[in-house]
Amino acid sequence: MRLFDDDEFGRWWSQAEDTLRSAESDLRSGHHNWACFKCQQAAEYATKAVLRGVGRPATGHSVLQLLEELKTLGSPVTPELESSARTLDRLYIPTRYPNAHAAGSPFEFYDESTSRQAMACAQTILDFVRKEKEKCVEP
């Protein structure tokens, strides 16, 4: 068993859960670019939660890179997790900035299907983090 900072984990984890709920609301209301971005953020916060819980600094915005850090600690990061992280990382900038696209605005490039895919990817990451946290605090 590793030493685990449950308070620090909790701060980041609760933000991850709240952000995912906000993404669900955006999906329902048709704000798909924001739903996609928030799914990336929720996965980022969740991954940072477990890293900070074990005392790692957890910097940067790439979910894939954060998972790589977890892998160095012995976490079983699967190809499915890596694929979800790659999908979410691609949503970090273009969902928000008009100049990330050759023309148009971000809200024109995202739809319900894209939001649902992002939601599934984020849920995959959060489920993984929940299991990793449980392993860190087992007696």
Protein backbone atom coordinates (compact mmCIF):
# COMPACT_ATOMS: atom_id res chain seq x y z
CA MET A 1 0.00 0.00 0.00
CA ARG A 2 1.27 3.47 -0.92
CA LEU A 3 0.75 6.55 1.18
CA PHE A 4 -2.25 8.33 -0.25
CA ASP A 5 -3.43 11.92 0.18
CA ASP A 6 -7.19 11.40 0.25
CA ASP A 7 -7.93 15.12 0.69
CA GLU A 8 -5.93 16.13 -2.39
CA PHE A 9 -7.48 13.31 -4.38
CA GLY A 10 -10.93 14.43 -3.25
CA ARG A 11 -10.45 18.03 -4.37
CA TRP A 12 -9.57 16.98 -7.91
CA TRP A 13 -12.01 14.06 -8.06
CA SER A 14 -15.01 16.13 -7.03
CA GLN A 15 -14.11 18.68 -9.71
CA ALA A 16 -13.86 15.87 -12.28
CA GLU A 17 -17.32 14.57 -11.35
CA ASP A 18 -18.86 18.05 -11.37
CA THR A 19 -17.30 18.84 -14.75
CA LEU A 20 -18.63 15.60 -16.21
CA ARG A 21 -22.14 16.44 -14.93
CA SER A 22 -21.79 19.86 -16.58
CA ALA A 23 -20.75 18.14 -19.83
CA GLU A 24 -23.88 15.99 -19.64
CA SER A 25 -25.97 19.13 -19.28
CA ASP A 26 -24.25 20.70 -22.29
CA LEU A 27 -24.87 17.54 -24.31
CA ARG A 28 -28.59 17.62 -23.47
CA SER A 29 -28.85 21.33 -24.35
CA GLY A 30 -26.98 20.96 -27.64
CA HIS A 31 -23.77 22.76 -26.66
CA HIS A 32 -21.66 19.98 -28.09
CA ASN A 33 -18.33 21.76 -28.37
CA TRP A 34 -18.52 22.57 -24.65
CA ALA A 35 -19.64 19.05 -23.78
CA CYS A 36 -16.62 17.68 -25.63
CA PHE A 37 -14.21 20.11 -23.99
CA LYS A 38 -15.60 19.40 -20.53
CA CYS A 39 -15.25 15.66 -21.08
CA GLN A 40 -11.55 16.23 -21.73
CA GLN A 41 -11.33 18.38 -18.62
CA ALA A 42 -13.12 15.81 -16.46
CA ALA A 43 -10.69 13.10 -17.56
CA GLU A 44 -7.74 15.42 -16.97
CA TYR A 45 -8.94 16.32 -13.46
CA ALA A 46 -9.61 12.68 -12.60
CA THR A 47 -6.19 11.55 -13.75
CA LYS A 48 -4.56 14.39 -11.86
CA ALA A 49 -6.58 13.40 -8.78
CA VAL A 50 -4.97 9.99 -8.49
CA LEU A 51 -1.50 11.29 -9.37
CA ARG A 52 -1.74 14.02 -6.74
CA GLY A 53 -3.14 11.48 -4.32
CA VAL A 54 0.10 9.50 -4.59
CA GLY A 55 2.18 12.67 -4.31
CA ARG A 56 3.03 13.32 -7.95
CA PRO A 57 2.91 16.91 -9.29
CA ALA A 58 0.57 16.05 -12.23
CA THR A 59 1.12 18.94 -14.61
CA GLY A 60 0.07 19.52 -18.20
CA HIS A 61 -3.22 19.01 -19.98
CA SER A 62 -2.69 15.80 -21.95
CA VAL A 63 -4.71 12.95 -20.52
CA LEU A 64 -2.50 10.54 -22.45
CA GLN A 65 0.66 11.95 -20.86
CA LEU A 66 -0.92 11.83 -17.41
CA LEU A 67 -1.81 8.17 -17.99
CA GLU A 68 1.79 7.55 -19.04
CA GLU A 69 2.88 8.92 -15.67
CA LEU A 70 0.48 6.51 -13.96
CA LYS A 71 1.91 3.68 -16.05
CA THR A 72 5.39 4.42 -14.64
CA LEU A 73 3.89 3.83 -11.19
CA GLY A 74 2.64 0.40 -12.20
CA SER A 75 -0.94 1.24 -13.14
CA PRO A 76 -2.41 -1.07 -15.81
CA VAL A 77 -2.97 1.49 -18.58
CA THR A 78 -4.59 -0.44 -21.42
CA PRO A 79 -4.72 0.39 -25.13
CA GLU A 80 -8.44 1.19 -24.65
CA LEU A 81 -7.54 3.82 -22.04
CA GLU A 82 -4.86 5.25 -24.29
CA SER A 83 -7.32 5.44 -27.17
CA SER A 84 -9.87 7.24 -24.98
CA ALA A 85 -7.18 9.66 -23.83
CA ARG A 86 -6.11 10.39 -27.43
CA THR A 87 -9.71 11.08 -28.43
CA LEU A 88 -10.15 13.48 -25.51
CA ASP A 89 -6.80 15.20 -26.01
CA ARG A 90 -7.87 16.10 -29.56
CA LEU A 91 -10.79 18.03 -28.04
CA TYR A 92 -8.74 20.29 -25.78
CA ILE A 93 -8.16 23.26 -28.12
CA PRO A 94 -10.37 23.05 -31.24
CA THR A 95 -13.58 22.90 -29.21
CA ARG A 96 -12.91 26.43 -27.93
CA TYR A 97 -10.92 28.48 -30.42
CA PRO A 98 -12.31 29.67 -33.77
CA ASN A 99 -8.82 29.83 -35.26
CA ALA A 100 -8.34 26.11 -34.61
CA HIS A 101 -10.43 25.48 -37.73
CA ALA A 102 -9.85 26.74 -41.26
CA ALA A 103 -13.25 28.43 -41.23
CA GLY A 104 -16.30 28.67 -39.01
CA SER A 105 -16.58 28.51 -35.25
CA PRO A 106 -16.10 25.55 -32.91
CA PHE A 107 -19.80 25.04 -32.19
CA GLU A 108 -20.32 24.20 -35.88
CA PHE A 109 -17.96 21.22 -35.80
CA TYR A 110 -19.38 19.16 -32.93
CA ASP A 111 -22.62 17.21 -32.74
CA GLU A 112 -24.45 14.82 -30.45
CA SER A 113 -22.53 11.82 -31.75
CA THR A 114 -19.21 13.50 -31.01
CA SER A 115 -20.42 14.50 -27.54
CA ARG A 116 -21.54 10.96 -26.77
CA GLN A 117 -18.21 9.55 -27.89
CA ALA A 118 -16.38 12.06 -25.69
CA MET A 119 -18.66 11.19 -22.77
CA ALA A 120 -17.90 7.48 -23.17
CA CYS A 121 -14.17 8.18 -23.30
CA ALA A 122 -14.32 10.36 -20.21
CA GLN A 123 -16.36 7.75 -18.34
CA THR A 124 -13.77 5.11 -19.25
CA ILE A 125 -11.02 7.26 -17.73
CA LEU A 126 -13.04 8.09 -14.60
CA ASP A 127 -13.90 4.42 -14.05
CA PHE A 128 -10.21 3.53 -14.32
CA VAL A 129 -9.20 6.26 -11.88
CA ARG A 130 -11.84 5.13 -9.38
CA LYS A 131 -10.38 1.61 -9.44
CA GLU A 132 -6.83 2.90 -9.12
CA LYS A 133 -7.79 5.00 -6.12
CA GLU A 134 -9.39 1.97 -4.46
CA LYS A 135 -6.14 0.04 -4.90
CA CYS A 136 -4.17 2.86 -3.31
CA VAL A 137 -6.21 2.85 -0.11
CA GLU A 138 -6.80 -0.89 0.33
CA PRO A 139 -5.67 -2.24 3.72
